[in-house]
PDB file of N, CA and C in Angstrom:
ATOM      1  N   MET A   1      -8.502 202.291   4.600  1.00  0.00           N
ATOM      2  CA  MET A   1      -9.774 202.081   3.606  1.00  0.00           C
ATOM      3  C   MET A   1      -8.624 202.336   2.284  1.00  0.00           C
ATOM      4  N   THR A   2      -8.613 201.908   0.764  1.00  0.00           N
ATOM      5  CA  THR A   2      -8.137 201.528   0.261  1.00  0.00           C
ATOM      6  C   THR A   2      -7.821 202.697  -1.366  1.00  0.00           C
ATOM      7  N   VAL A   3      -6.803 203.262  -1.638  1.00  0.00           N
ATOM      8  CA  VAL A   3      -6.638 204.070  -1.863  1.00  0.00           C
ATOM      9  C   VAL A   3      -5.786 204.766  -3.184  1.00  0.00           C
ATOM     10  N   VAL A   4      -5.886 204.695  -4.124  1.00  0.00           N
ATOM     11  CA  VAL A   4      -5.333 205.134  -5.662  1.00  0.00           C
ATOM     12  C   VAL A   4      -4.517 205.614  -5.220  1.00  0.00           C
ATOM     13  N   VAL A   5      -2.870 205.845  -5.682  1.00  0.00           N
ATOM     14  CA  VAL A   5      -2.169 206.641  -5.314  1.00  0.00           C
ATOM     15  C   VAL A   5      -1.303 206.527  -7.077  1.00  0.00           C
ATOM     16  N   GLU A   6      -1.588 208.100  -7.739  1.00  0.00           N
ATOM     17  CA  GLU A   6      -0.859 208.397  -9.086  1.00  0.00           C
ATOM     18  C   GLU A   6       0.461 209.019  -8.693  1.00  0.00           C
ATOM     19  N   SER A   7       0.999 208.665 -10.390  1.00  0.00           N
ATOM     20  CA  SER A   7       2.615 209.390  -9.937  1.00  0.00           C
ATOM     21  C   SER A   7       2.506 210.242 -10.838  1.00  0.00           C
ATOM     22  N   PRO A   8       3.224 211.078 -10.983  1.00  0.00           N
ATOM     23  CA  PRO A   8       3.611 212.160 -12.709  1.00  0.00           C
ATOM     24  C   PRO A   8       4.213 211.376 -13.999  1.00  0.00           C
ATOM     25  N   ASN A   9       4.786 210.146 -13.885  1.00  0.00           N
ATOM     26  CA  ASN A   9       5.218 209.189 -14.700  1.00  0.00           C
ATOM     27  C   ASN A   9       3.633 208.108 -15.156  1.00  0.00           C
ATOM     28  N   GLY A  10       2.978 207.829 -14.360  1.00  0.00           N
ATOM     29  CA  GLY A  10       2.235 207.339 -14.702  1.00  0.00           C
ATOM     30  C   GLY A  10       1.495 206.085 -14.104  1.00  0.00           C
ATOM     31  N   VAL A  11       2.522 206.101 -13.337  1.00  0.00           N
ATOM     32  CA  VAL A  11       2.021 204.255 -12.002  1.00  0.00           C
ATOM     33  C   VAL A  11       1.200 204.707 -11.320  1.00  0.00           C
ATOM     34  N   ALA A  12       0.246 203.588 -10.878  1.00  0.00           N
ATOM     35  CA  ALA A  12      -0.944 204.131 -10.048  1.00  0.00           C
ATOM     36  C   ALA A  12      -0.740 202.071  -9.438  1.00  0.00           C
ATOM     37  N   TRP A  13      -0.493 203.076  -7.694  1.00  0.00           N
ATOM     38  CA  TRP A  13      -0.944 201.906  -7.032  1.00  0.00           C
ATOM     39  C   TRP A  13      -1.947 201.748  -6.113  1.00  0.00           C
ATOM     40  N   VAL A  14      -2.290 200.827  -6.445  1.00  0.00           N
ATOM     41  CA  VAL A  14      -4.212 200.918  -5.438  1.00  0.00           C
ATOM     42  C   VAL A  14      -3.876 200.011  -4.025  1.00  0.00           C
ATOM     43  N   GLY A  15      -3.662 199.770  -3.212  1.00  0.00           N
ATOM     44  CA  GLY A  15      -4.261 199.683  -1.415  1.00  0.00           C
ATOM     45  C   GLY A  15      -4.828 199.739  -0.666  1.00  0.00           C
ATOM     46  N   ARG A  16      -4.562 199.123   0.301  1.00  0.00           N
ATOM     47  CA  ARG A  16      -5.191 199.954   1.514  1.00  0.00           C
ATOM     48  C   ARG A  16      -3.795 200.611   2.295  1.00  0.00           C
ATOM     49  N   TYR A  17      -4.012 202.316   2.272  1.00  0.00           N
ATOM     50  CA  TYR A  17      -3.494 202.882   2.802  1.00  0.00           C
ATOM     51  C   TYR A  17      -3.206 202.890   4.464  1.00  0.00           C
ATOM     52  N   HIS A  18      -1.733 202.603   4.615  1.00  0.00           N
ATOM     53  CA  HIS A  18      -1.896 202.831   6.327  1.00  0.00           C
ATOM     54  C   HIS A  18      -0.586 204.254   6.848  1.00  0.00           C
ATOM     55  N   GLU A  19      -0.109 204.792   6.219  1.00  0.00           N
ATOM     56  CA  GLU A  19       0.353 206.160   6.413  1.00  0.00           C
ATOM     57  C   GLU A  19       1.418 206.758   5.687  1.00  0.00           C
ATOM     58  N   ARG A  20       1.652 208.316   6.152  1.00  0.00           N
ATOM     59  CA  ARG A  20       2.671 208.795   4.911  1.00  0.00           C
ATOM     60  C   ARG A  20       3.516 209.544   6.138  1.00  0.00           C
ATOM     61  N   THR A  21       4.886 208.721   5.458  1.00  0.00           N
ATOM     62  CA  THR A  21       5.599 208.991   6.155  1.00  0.00           C
ATOM     63  C   THR A  21       6.846 210.119   5.556  1.00  0.00           C
ATOM     64  N   ASP A  22       8.439 210.411   6.254  1.00  0.00           N
ATOM     65  CA  ASP A  22       9.029 211.735   5.180  1.00  0.00           C
ATOM     66  C   ASP A  22       9.090 210.108   4.434  1.00  0.00           C
ATOM     67  N   ARG A  23       9.828 209.017   4.540  1.00  0.00           N
ATOM     68  CA  ARG A  23       9.700 208.372   3.182  1.00  0.00           C
ATOM     69  C   ARG A  23       8.932 208.089   2.295  1.00  0.00           C
ATOM     70  N   GLY A  24       7.723 207.693   2.058  1.00  0.00           N
ATOM     71  CA  GLY A  24       6.563 208.550   1.758  1.00  0.00           C
ATOM     72  C   GLY A  24       5.100 207.401   2.169  1.00  0.00           C
ATOM     73  N   VAL A  25       4.523 206.509   1.303  1.00  0.00           N
ATOM     74  CA  VAL A  25       3.344 206.352   1.241  1.00  0.00           C
ATOM     75  C   VAL A  25       3.115 204.706   1.883  1.00  0.00           C
ATOM     76  N   LEU A  26       2.380 204.153   1.911  1.00  0.00           N
ATOM     77  CA  LEU A  26       3.379 202.819   2.538  1.00  0.00           C
ATOM     78  C   LEU A  26       1.745 202.114   2.565  1.00  0.00           C
ATOM     79  N   LEU A  27       1.703 201.446   1.629  1.00  0.00           N
ATOM     80  CA  LEU A  27       0.056 200.639   1.039  1.00  0.00           C
ATOM     81  C   LEU A  27       0.287 199.286   1.688  1.00  0.00           C
ATOM     82  N   HIS A  28      -0.524 198.368   1.369  1.00  0.00           N
ATOM     83  CA  HIS A  28      -0.837 197.338   2.187  1.00  0.00           C
ATOM     84  C   HIS A  28      -1.699 196.609   0.974  1.00  0.00           C
ATOM     85  N   ASP A  29      -0.967 195.450   0.727  1.00  0.00           N
ATOM     86  CA  ASP A  29      -2.148 194.305  -0.364  1.00  0.00           C
ATOM     87  C   ASP A  29      -2.302 195.637  -1.686  1.00  0.00           C
ATOM     88  N   VAL A  30      -1.087 195.013  -2.432  1.00  0.00           N
ATOM     89  CA  VAL A  30      -0.882 197.043  -3.366  1.00  0.00           C
ATOM     90  C   VAL A  30      -1.011 195.833  -4.781  1.00  0.00           C
ATOM     91  N   ALA A  31      -1.628 196.422  -5.109  1.00  0.00           N
ATOM     92  CA  ALA A  31      -1.750 196.248  -7.031  1.00  0.00           C
ATOM     93  C   ALA A  31      -0.810 197.612  -7.900  1.00  0.00           C
ATOM     94  N   ILE A  32      -0.341 197.122  -8.966  1.00  0.00           N
ATOM     95  CA  ILE A  32       0.705 197.571  -9.985  1.00  0.00           C
ATOM     96  C   ILE A  32      -0.052 198.020 -10.876  1.00  0.00           C
ATOM     97  N   HIS A  33       0.068 199.034 -12.089  1.00  0.00           N
ATOM     98  CA  HIS A  33      -0.482 199.532 -13.018  1.00  0.00           C
ATOM     99  C   HIS A  33       1.252 199.880 -13.310  1.00  0.00           C
ATOM    100  N   ASP A  34       1.279 199.997 -14.024  1.00  0.00           N
ATOM    101  CA  ASP A  34       3.128 200.522 -15.184  1.00  0.00           C
ATOM    102  C   ASP A  34       2.070 201.017 -16.329  1.00  0.00           C
ATOM    103  N   PRO A  35       2.332 201.660 -16.898  1.00  0.00           N
ATOM    104  CA  PRO A  35       1.841 202.192 -17.966  1.00  0.00           C
ATOM    105  C   PRO A  35       2.797 201.510 -19.030  1.00  0.00           C
ATOM    106  N   THR A  36       4.327 201.336 -18.949  1.00  0.00           N
ATOM    107  CA  THR A  36       5.032 201.160 -19.861  1.00  0.00           C
ATOM    108  C   THR A  36       4.871 199.374 -20.038  1.00  0.00           C
ATOM    109  N   SER A  37       4.235 199.150 -18.972  1.00  0.00           N
ATOM    110  CA  SER A  37       4.311 197.514 -19.124  1.00  0.00           C
ATOM    111  C   SER A  37       2.656 196.653 -19.667  1.00  0.00           C
ATOM    112  N   ALA A  38       1.885 197.782 -19.071  1.00  0.00           N
ATOM    113  CA  ALA A  38       0.286 197.229 -19.133  1.00  0.00           C
ATOM    114  C   ALA A  38       0.064 196.693 -20.317  1.00  0.00           C
ATOM    115  N   ASP A  39      -0.809 196.132 -20.212  1.00  0.00           N
ATOM    116  CA  ASP A  39      -1.814 196.098 -21.658  1.00  0.00           C
ATOM    117  C   ASP A  39      -3.234 196.592 -21.893  1.00  0.00           C
ATOM    118  N   GLN A  40      -3.387 197.296 -20.690  1.00  0.00           N
ATOM    119  CA  GLN A  40      -4.851 198.881 -21.084  1.00  0.00           C
ATOM    120  C   GLN A  40      -4.971 199.437 -20.153  1.00  0.00           C
ATOM    121  N   THR A  41      -5.180 200.525 -20.380  1.00  0.00           N
ATOM    122  CA  THR A  41      -4.664 201.897 -19.846  1.00  0.00           C
ATOM    123  C   THR A  41      -5.050 202.149 -18.224  1.00  0.00           C
ATOM    124  N   ARG A  42      -4.631 202.837 -17.725  1.00  0.00           N
ATOM    125  CA  ARG A  42      -4.957 202.702 -15.934  1.00  0.00           C
ATOM    126  C   ARG A  42      -6.470 203.096 -15.660  1.00  0.00           C
ATOM    127  N   ASP A  43      -7.225 203.749 -16.631  1.00  0.00           N
ATOM    128  CA  ASP A  43      -8.482 204.153 -16.088  1.00  0.00           C
ATOM    129  C   ASP A  43      -9.205 203.225 -16.294  1.00  0.00           C
ATOM    130  N   VAL A  44      -9.199 201.899 -17.261  1.00  0.00           N
ATOM    131  CA  VAL A  44      -9.803 201.036 -17.305  1.00  0.00           C
ATOM    132  C   VAL A  44      -9.016 199.881 -16.310  1.00  0.00           C
ATOM    133  N   TRP A  45      -7.949 199.407 -15.893  1.00  0.00           N
ATOM    134  CA  TRP A  45      -6.979 199.121 -14.662  1.00  0.00           C
ATOM    135  C   TRP A  45      -7.946 199.095 -13.747  1.00  0.00           C
ATOM    136  N   ILE A  46      -8.560 200.015 -13.307  1.00  0.00           N
ATOM    137  CA  ILE A  46      -9.100 201.061 -12.478  1.00  0.00           C
ATOM    138  C   ILE A  46     -10.601 200.307 -12.181  1.00  0.00           C
ATOM    139  N   GLN A  47     -11.452 200.554 -13.178  1.00  0.00           N
ATOM    140  CA  GLN A  47     -12.855 200.003 -13.435  1.00  0.00           C
ATOM    141  C   GLN A  47     -12.653 198.581 -12.943  1.00  0.00           C
ATOM    142  N   ARG A  48     -11.439 197.589 -13.652  1.00  0.00           N
ATOM    143  CA  ARG A  48     -11.974 196.544 -13.957  1.00  0.00           C
ATOM    144  C   ARG A  48     -11.587 196.781 -12.040  1.00  0.00           C
ATOM    145  N   LEU A  49     -10.287 196.535 -11.152  1.00  0.00           N
ATOM    146  CA  LEU A  49     -10.411 196.350  -9.992  1.00  0.00           C
ATOM    147  C   LEU A  49     -11.908 197.271  -8.772  1.00  0.00           C
ATOM    148  N   LEU A  50     -12.579 198.037  -9.569  1.00  0.00           N
ATOM    149  CA  LEU A  50     -14.012 198.508  -8.622  1.00  0.00           C
ATOM    150  C   LEU A  50     -14.442 197.560  -8.928  1.00  0.00           C
ATOM    151  N   LYS A  51     -14.746 197.118 -10.039  1.00  0.00           N
ATOM    152  CA  LYS A  51     -15.684 195.657 -10.850  1.00  0.00           C
ATOM    153  C   LYS A  51     -15.527 194.039  -9.434  1.00  0.00           C
ATOM    154  N   PHE A  52     -13.702 193.859  -9.935  1.00  0.00           N
ATOM    155  CA  PHE A  52     -13.741 192.702  -9.272  1.00  0.00           C
ATOM    156  C   PHE A  52     -13.052 192.684  -8.368  1.00  0.00           C
ATOM    157  N   GLY A  53     -12.460 193.632  -8.179  1.00  0.00           N
ATOM    158  CA  GLY A  53     -11.543 193.741  -6.966  1.00  0.00           C
ATOM    159  C   GLY A  53      -9.529 193.196  -6.983  1.00  0.00           C
ATOM    160  N   ILE A  54      -9.308 193.988  -6.114  1.00  0.00           N
ATOM    161  CA  ILE A  54      -8.019 193.923  -5.985  1.00  0.00           C
ATOM    162  C   ILE A  54      -6.901 192.588  -6.280  1.00  0.00           C
ATOM    163  N   ARG A  55      -6.764 192.645  -7.284  1.00  0.00           N
ATOM    164  CA  ARG A  55      -5.487 191.232  -7.898  1.00  0.00           C
ATOM    165  C   ARG A  55      -3.930 191.533  -6.975  1.00  0.00           C
ATOM    166  N   ILE A  56      -3.168 191.128  -5.665  1.00  0.00           N
ATOM    167  CA  ILE A  56      -2.037 192.081  -5.136  1.00  0.00           C
ATOM    168  C   ILE A  56      -0.972 191.341  -5.744  1.00  0.00           C
ATOM    169  N   ASP A  57      -0.189 192.662  -6.090  1.00  0.00           N
ATOM    170  CA  ASP A  57       0.579 192.325  -6.463  1.00  0.00           C
ATOM    171  C   ASP A  57       1.877 191.822  -5.989  1.00  0.00           C
ATOM    172  N   GLN A  58       1.978 193.099  -4.765  1.00  0.00           N
ATOM    173  CA  GLN A  58       3.041 193.534  -3.386  1.00  0.00           C
ATOM    174  C   GLN A  58       2.326 193.626  -2.499  1.00  0.00           C
ATOM    175  N   LYS A  59       2.636 192.587  -1.392  1.00  0.00           N
ATOM    176  CA  LYS A  59       2.129 192.714   0.408  1.00  0.00           C
ATOM    177  C   LYS A  59       2.329 194.080   0.767  1.00  0.00           C
ATOM    178  N   HIS A  60       3.439 194.810   1.097  1.00  0.00           N
ATOM    179  CA  HIS A  60       3.736 196.446   1.247  1.00  0.00           C
ATOM    180  C   HIS A  60       4.514 196.734   0.205  1.00  0.00           C
ATOM    181  N   VAL A  61       3.880 197.961  -0.444  1.00  0.00           N
ATOM    182  CA  VAL A  61       4.701 199.021  -1.335  1.00  0.00           C
ATOM    183  C   VAL A  61       4.961 200.699   0.074  1.00  0.00           C
ATOM    184  N   VAL A  62       6.038 200.755  -0.645  1.00  0.00           N
ATOM    185  CA  VAL A  62       5.924 202.377   0.217  1.00  0.00           C
ATOM    186  C   VAL A  62       7.034 203.022  -0.975  1.00  0.00           C
ATOM    187  N   VAL A  63       5.518 203.614  -1.916  1.00  0.00           N
ATOM    188  CA  VAL A  63       5.490 205.180  -2.678  1.00  0.00           C
ATOM    189  C   VAL A  63       6.604 206.409  -2.249  1.00  0.00           C
ATOM    190  N   PRO A  64       7.432 206.355  -2.873  1.00  0.00           N
ATOM    191  CA  PRO A  64       8.112 207.159  -2.534  1.00  0.00           C
ATOM    192  C   PRO A  64       7.382 208.738  -2.511  1.00  0.00           C
ATOM    193  N   ASP A  65       7.775 209.621  -1.249  1.00  0.00           N
ATOM    194  CA  ASP A  65       6.996 210.801  -1.465  1.00  0.00           C
ATOM    195  C   ASP A  65       6.514 212.065  -2.558  1.00  0.00           C
ATOM    196  N   ALA A  66       7.744 212.397  -3.129  1.00  0.00           N
ATOM    197  CA  ALA A  66       8.171 212.627  -4.481  1.00  0.00           C
ATOM    198  C   ALA A  66       7.236 211.862  -5.594  1.00  0.00           C
ATOM    199  N   GLU A  67       7.172 210.779  -5.328  1.00  0.00           N
ATOM    200  CA  GLU A  67       6.508 209.890  -6.518  1.00  0.00           C
ATOM    201  C   GLU A  67       4.250 209.904  -6.332  1.00  0.00           C
ATOM    202  N   ALA A  68       4.267 210.303  -5.299  1.00  0.00           N
ATOM    203  CA  ALA A  68       2.964 210.403  -4.470  1.00  0.00           C
ATOM    204  C   ALA A  68       2.151 211.458  -4.779  1.00  0.00           C
ATOM    205  N   SER A  69       1.454 211.664  -6.331  1.00  0.00           N
ATOM    206  CA  SER A  69       1.344 213.059  -6.539  1.00  0.00           C
ATOM    207  C   SER A  69      -0.339 213.298  -6.510  1.00  0.00           C
ATOM    208  N   ARG A  70      -0.439 212.187  -6.452  1.00  0.00           N
ATOM    209  CA  ARG A  70      -2.162 211.824  -6.362  1.00  0.00           C
ATOM    210  C   ARG A  70      -2.809 211.127  -5.712  1.00  0.00           C
ATOM    211  N   ILE A  71      -3.320 211.006  -4.166  1.00  0.00           N
ATOM    212  CA  ILE A  71      -3.805 210.140  -3.520  1.00  0.00           C
ATOM    213  C   ILE A  71      -5.343 210.269  -3.448  1.00  0.00           C
ATOM    214  N   VAL A  72      -6.298 209.643  -3.348  1.00  0.00           N
ATOM    215  CA  VAL A  72      -7.446 209.452  -3.767  1.00  0.00           C
ATOM    216  C   VAL A  72      -8.477 208.164  -3.098  1.00  0.00           C
ATOM    217  N   ARG A  73      -9.507 208.305  -2.360  1.00  0.00           N
ATOM    218  CA  ARG A  73      -9.689 206.413  -1.994  1.00  0.00           C
ATOM    219  C   ARG A  73     -10.805 206.097  -3.302  1.00  0.00           C
ATOM    220  N   LEU A  74     -10.430 204.588  -3.120  1.00  0.00           N
ATOM    221  CA  LEU A  74     -10.370 203.799  -4.528  1.00  0.00           C
ATOM    222  C   LEU A  74     -12.115 204.127  -5.180  1.00  0.00           C
ATOM    223  N   GLN A  75     -12.535 204.261  -4.204  1.00  0.00           N
ATOM    224  CA  GLN A  75     -14.269 204.683  -4.516  1.00  0.00           C
ATOM    225  C   GLN A  75     -15.120 205.388  -4.909  1.00  0.00           C
ATOM    226  N   GLU A  76     -13.670 206.570  -4.945  1.00  0.00           N
ATOM    227  CA  GLU A  76     -13.863 208.089  -5.307  1.00  0.00           C
ATOM    228  C   GLU A  76     -13.380 208.969  -6.307  1.00  0.00           C
ATOM    229  N   TRP A  77     -11.909 207.363  -6.650  1.00  0.00           N
ATOM    230  CA  TRP A  77     -11.648 207.365  -7.585  1.00  0.00           C
ATOM    231  C   TRP A  77     -11.987 208.063  -9.220  1.00  0.00           C
ATOM    232  N   LYS A  78     -11.772 209.426 -10.096  1.00  0.00           N
ATOM    233  CA  LYS A  78     -11.901 209.808 -11.316  1.00  0.00           C
ATOM    234  C   LYS A  78     -10.692 209.994 -11.915  1.00  0.00           C
ATOM    235  N   PRO A  79     -10.863 209.725 -12.515  1.00  0.00           N
ATOM    236  CA  PRO A  79      -9.077 210.273 -14.123  1.00  0.00           C
ATOM    237  C   PRO A  79      -9.122 211.439 -13.598  1.00  0.00           C
ATOM    238  N   SER A  80      -8.250 212.214 -13.676  1.00  0.00           N
ATOM    239  CA  SER A  80      -7.032 213.213 -13.606  1.00  0.00           C
ATOM    240  C   SER A  80      -7.658 214.332 -14.790  1.00  0.00           C
ATOM    241  N   THR A  81      -7.495 215.238 -14.605  1.00  0.00           N
ATOM    242  CA  THR A  81      -8.036 215.966 -15.757  1.00  0.00           C
ATOM    243  C   THR A  81      -7.014 216.453 -16.129  1.00  0.00           C
ATOM    244  N   SER A  82      -5.199 216.492 -15.943  1.00  0.00           N
ATOM    245  CA  SER A  82      -3.814 216.926 -16.523  1.00  0.00           C
ATOM    246  C   SER A  82      -3.633 215.972 -17.394  1.00  0.00           C
TER     247      SER A  82
END
């Protein structure tokens, strides 16, 4: 299943969920949104992914457990209220 993993600092990863371990959340075929270098907001970026598909930035990513503050299916994603 494809998920959105959000961090407290605003970085978001979208990819195929594999597992969550002591090391963190393992994703495959991952797109990454870093608000410090992105030319669009996270919300607009995710809406574009939903419309056009995922452009893979990295084949595999382990998101450290401390960074994975929110995990939700891509199809069910809505902006957080915090």
